Amino acid sequence: MRKIIWVFYMAGLALFISCTKDTTDVVKPDTGDTKTIFDTEPGNFIDKGNGTILDRGTGRLWTKCSIGQEMQDTKCKGYPQEISFDEAVIACENLSMGGHDDWRLPSKSELKVLVKCTNRSNANLPDFTTCGTITEGIEYVLITIDTKFFPNTSAKEYWTSEEVNKGGRKTWTIYFKTGYTHYQNVNQASHVRCIR
């Protein structure tokens, strides 16, 4: 009888350990379809305390600071660097932060998760639309980004990884002052926030 109780005790302990394992660093593949990868509301952030921010809704890790800034205490100090698209790709690929070295530029849909209008809706705005416009009966108002998690973010454009075939080499960017998603020439300068 004691052997049976011991076996049940050990099985229960193993189950408890596997259920309480920390999986907050689990990275999910980018399927491009944001509706299928979210387990919870996107934008449900956790500051990991190592220069990274976890979005529990997508399983992705973000850099807390933009490229060009330094973490000091809990703040991002300095100014976000403006660089070309090719330089942005290299900057993310060469980044080592939070114990990870597999950083990259975010896709357009991933970066849009960070855009919030002040009406608190997730500002997954249609392309070429800004907070403050009315689209399909939805009114979006001024842009915000959660500065508790992403302090000192520039209000200018940030690069995405998605290139556009519109004559010349262009890439989608998101303008964090208004939430406007548009494309620009890869030789122009924009800001960078990396993801993994």
Protein backbone atom coordinates (compact mmCIF):
# COMPACT_ATOMS: atom_id res chain seq x y z
CA MET A 1 0.00 0.00 0.00
CA ARG A 2 2.85 2.40 0.83
CA LYS A 3 4.37 1.80 -2.64
CA ILE A 4 1.09 2.78 -4.32
CA ILE A 5 0.81 5.94 -2.22
CA TRP A 6 4.48 6.79 -3.01
CA VAL A 7 3.86 6.35 -6.78
CA PHE A 8 0.79 8.62 -6.66
CA TYR A 9 2.71 11.20 -4.61
CA MET A 10 5.62 11.26 -7.10
CA ALA A 11 3.26 11.47 -10.10
CA GLY A 12 1.40 14.37 -8.49
CA LEU A 13 4.68 16.16 -7.70
CA ALA A 14 5.88 15.75 -11.30
CA LEU A 15 2.56 17.11 -12.60
CA PHE A 16 2.76 20.09 -10.21
CA ILE A 17 6.31 20.92 -11.32
CA SER A 18 5.46 20.72 -15.03
CA CYS A 19 2.37 22.94 -14.55
CA THR A 20 4.27 25.63 -12.64
CA LYS A 21 7.28 25.84 -14.98
CA ASP A 22 7.95 29.45 -16.12
CA THR A 23 7.10 29.65 -19.81
CA THR A 24 7.13 33.43 -20.12
CA ASP A 25 10.13 33.33 -22.47
CA VAL A 26 8.40 31.03 -24.95
CA VAL A 27 8.61 32.54 -28.42
CA LYS A 28 5.85 31.68 -30.85
CA PRO A 29 6.37 31.59 -34.62
CA ASP A 30 5.21 34.58 -36.68
CA THR A 31 2.36 33.24 -38.76
CA GLY A 32 1.49 36.68 -40.09
CA ASP A 33 -2.08 36.14 -38.87
CA THR A 34 -2.21 37.99 -35.57
CA LYS A 35 -5.69 36.68 -34.80
CA THR A 36 -4.43 33.11 -34.52
CA ILE A 37 -1.30 33.68 -32.42
CA PHE A 38 -2.80 35.68 -29.55
CA ASP A 39 -3.58 33.65 -26.42
CA THR A 40 -4.71 36.77 -24.56
CA GLU A 41 -5.23 40.41 -25.42
CA PRO A 42 -2.14 41.65 -27.30
CA GLY A 43 -0.34 44.39 -25.48
CA ASN A 44 -0.50 42.59 -22.12
CA PHE A 45 3.09 43.48 -21.18
CA ILE A 46 5.50 42.33 -18.49
CA ASP A 47 8.82 44.09 -17.86
CA LYS A 48 11.36 41.29 -17.53
CA GLY A 49 13.83 43.63 -15.77
CA ASN A 50 16.64 42.86 -18.22
CA GLY A 51 15.96 45.41 -20.95
CA THR A 52 13.19 43.31 -22.50
CA ILE A 53 9.40 43.49 -22.45
CA LEU A 54 7.26 40.36 -22.84
CA ASP A 55 3.93 40.61 -24.65
CA ARG A 56 1.99 37.77 -23.04
CA GLY A 57 -0.64 37.98 -25.76
CA THR A 58 1.80 37.11 -28.52
CA GLY A 59 4.64 35.40 -26.65
CA ARG A 60 7.10 37.87 -28.19
CA LEU A 61 9.90 39.74 -26.45
CA TRP A 62 10.52 43.39 -27.34
CA THR A 63 13.48 45.61 -26.56
CA LYS A 64 12.40 48.11 -23.95
CA CYS A 65 14.54 50.85 -25.49
CA SER A 66 14.91 51.83 -29.11
CA ILE A 67 18.24 51.25 -30.85
CA GLY A 68 20.58 54.07 -29.81
CA GLN A 69 19.23 54.35 -26.27
CA GLU A 70 20.71 52.87 -23.09
CA MET A 71 18.93 51.34 -20.11
CA GLN A 72 19.66 53.23 -16.91
CA ASP A 73 17.65 52.04 -13.93
CA THR A 74 14.20 51.56 -15.49
CA LYS A 75 14.50 54.37 -18.04
CA CYS A 76 15.70 54.56 -21.63
CA LYS A 77 18.29 57.33 -21.76
CA GLY A 78 19.52 59.15 -24.83
CA TYR A 79 17.89 59.57 -28.19
CA PRO A 80 16.66 56.79 -30.46
CA GLN A 81 19.00 56.45 -33.43
CA GLU A 82 17.64 57.07 -36.95
CA ILE A 83 19.17 54.63 -39.44
CA SER A 84 18.47 53.12 -42.86
CA PHE A 85 16.51 49.89 -43.27
CA ASP A 86 19.62 47.80 -43.99
CA GLU A 87 21.37 49.26 -40.93
CA ALA A 88 18.25 48.48 -38.86
CA VAL A 89 18.30 44.83 -39.95
CA ILE A 90 21.97 44.56 -38.96
CA ALA A 91 21.43 46.37 -35.65
CA CYS A 92 18.75 43.88 -34.59
CA GLU A 93 20.69 40.85 -35.83
CA ASN A 94 23.77 41.97 -33.86
CA LEU A 95 21.84 42.74 -30.68
CA SER A 96 22.43 40.64 -27.56
CA MET A 97 20.01 41.49 -24.77
CA GLY A 98 18.23 39.69 -21.96
CA GLY A 99 20.25 36.54 -22.61
CA HIS A 100 19.09 36.35 -26.23
CA ASP A 101 20.90 36.98 -29.51
CA ASP A 102 18.16 36.13 -32.03
CA TRP A 103 16.61 39.61 -32.38
CA ARG A 104 15.08 40.90 -35.64
CA LEU A 105 12.93 43.68 -37.03
CA PRO A 106 9.22 43.20 -36.29
CA SER A 107 6.66 42.53 -38.99
CA LYS A 108 4.09 45.22 -39.67
CA SER A 109 1.38 43.37 -37.73
CA GLU A 110 3.74 42.81 -34.77
CA LEU A 111 4.72 46.49 -34.54
CA LYS A 112 1.08 47.59 -34.81
CA VAL A 113 0.42 45.83 -31.48
CA LEU A 114 2.41 48.61 -29.76
CA VAL A 115 0.18 51.34 -31.23
CA LYS A 116 -2.64 52.37 -28.90
CA CYS A 117 -5.15 55.13 -29.45
CA THR A 118 -6.22 57.09 -26.39
CA ASN A 119 -9.68 55.53 -26.56
CA ARG A 120 -7.77 52.43 -25.39
CA SER A 121 -8.70 50.33 -28.39
CA ASN A 122 -5.89 48.28 -29.78
CA ALA A 123 -5.00 50.52 -32.64
CA ASN A 124 -4.66 47.82 -35.27
CA LEU A 125 -5.47 50.63 -37.67
CA PRO A 126 -5.94 49.99 -41.36
CA ASP A 127 -2.89 51.07 -43.41
CA PHE A 128 -2.78 54.80 -44.25
CA THR A 129 -5.15 55.58 -41.31
CA THR A 130 -4.30 57.54 -38.18
CA CYS A 131 -5.69 57.86 -34.70
CA GLY A 132 -8.13 60.77 -34.93
CA THR A 133 -9.81 59.57 -38.13
CA ILE A 134 -13.02 57.65 -38.54
CA THR A 135 -12.77 54.42 -40.48
CA GLU A 136 -15.70 52.04 -40.97
CA GLY A 137 -17.58 53.75 -38.14
CA ILE A 138 -14.72 53.43 -35.61
CA GLU A 139 -13.24 56.66 -34.32
CA TYR A 140 -9.57 56.47 -33.40
CA VAL A 141 -8.18 59.28 -31.30
CA LEU A 142 -4.65 60.46 -30.53
CA ILE A 143 -1.86 57.92 -30.33
CA THR A 144 -0.20 56.63 -27.21
CA ILE A 145 2.33 53.94 -26.48
CA ASP A 146 2.55 52.52 -23.01
CA THR A 147 5.49 54.57 -21.72
CA LYS A 148 5.64 52.49 -18.56
CA PHE A 149 7.00 49.68 -20.72
CA PHE A 150 8.46 51.65 -23.65
CA PRO A 151 9.79 54.90 -22.13
CA ASN A 152 11.17 57.75 -24.22
CA THR A 153 9.86 56.30 -27.52
CA SER A 154 10.26 58.58 -30.51
CA ALA A 155 7.05 59.86 -32.10
CA LYS A 156 8.59 59.36 -35.56
CA GLU A 157 8.66 56.35 -37.89
CA TYR A 158 9.87 52.88 -36.86
CA TRP A 159 10.98 50.25 -39.39
CA THR A 160 9.18 46.95 -39.96
CA SER A 161 10.66 43.94 -41.75
CA GLU A 162 8.14 44.04 -44.60
CA GLU A 163 9.26 45.39 -47.94
CA VAL A 164 6.77 46.81 -50.45
CA ASN A 165 6.91 46.52 -54.24
CA LYS A 166 6.05 50.10 -55.15
CA GLY A 167 8.83 51.18 -57.50
CA GLY A 168 12.22 51.24 -55.87
CA ARG A 169 12.97 49.49 -52.63
CA LYS A 170 10.46 50.53 -49.94
CA THR A 171 9.52 49.17 -46.53
CA TRP A 172 6.51 49.59 -44.24
CA THR A 173 7.00 51.92 -41.28
CA ILE A 174 4.77 53.01 -38.42
CA TYR A 175 4.69 56.63 -37.34
CA PHE A 176 4.21 56.61 -33.57
CA LYS A 177 2.92 60.18 -33.34
CA THR A 178 -0.33 59.28 -35.12
CA GLY A 179 -0.27 55.51 -35.63
CA TYR A 180 -0.02 56.02 -39.39
CA THR A 181 1.28 52.97 -41.27
CA HIS A 182 2.92 53.78 -44.57
CA TYR A 183 5.99 52.88 -46.58
CA GLN A 184 9.19 54.75 -47.31
CA ASN A 185 12.43 54.31 -49.21
CA VAL A 186 14.88 51.98 -47.43
CA ASN A 187 17.64 54.61 -47.67
CA GLN A 188 15.69 57.07 -45.53
CA ALA A 189 16.30 57.12 -41.78
CA SER A 190 13.84 55.71 -39.23
CA HIS A 191 13.95 54.37 -35.68
CA VAL A 192 14.26 50.75 -34.60
CA ARG A 193 12.72 48.55 -31.91
CA CYS A 194 13.71 44.88 -32.10
CA ILE A 195 11.67 41.76 -31.40
CA ARG A 196 12.28 38.05 -30.95
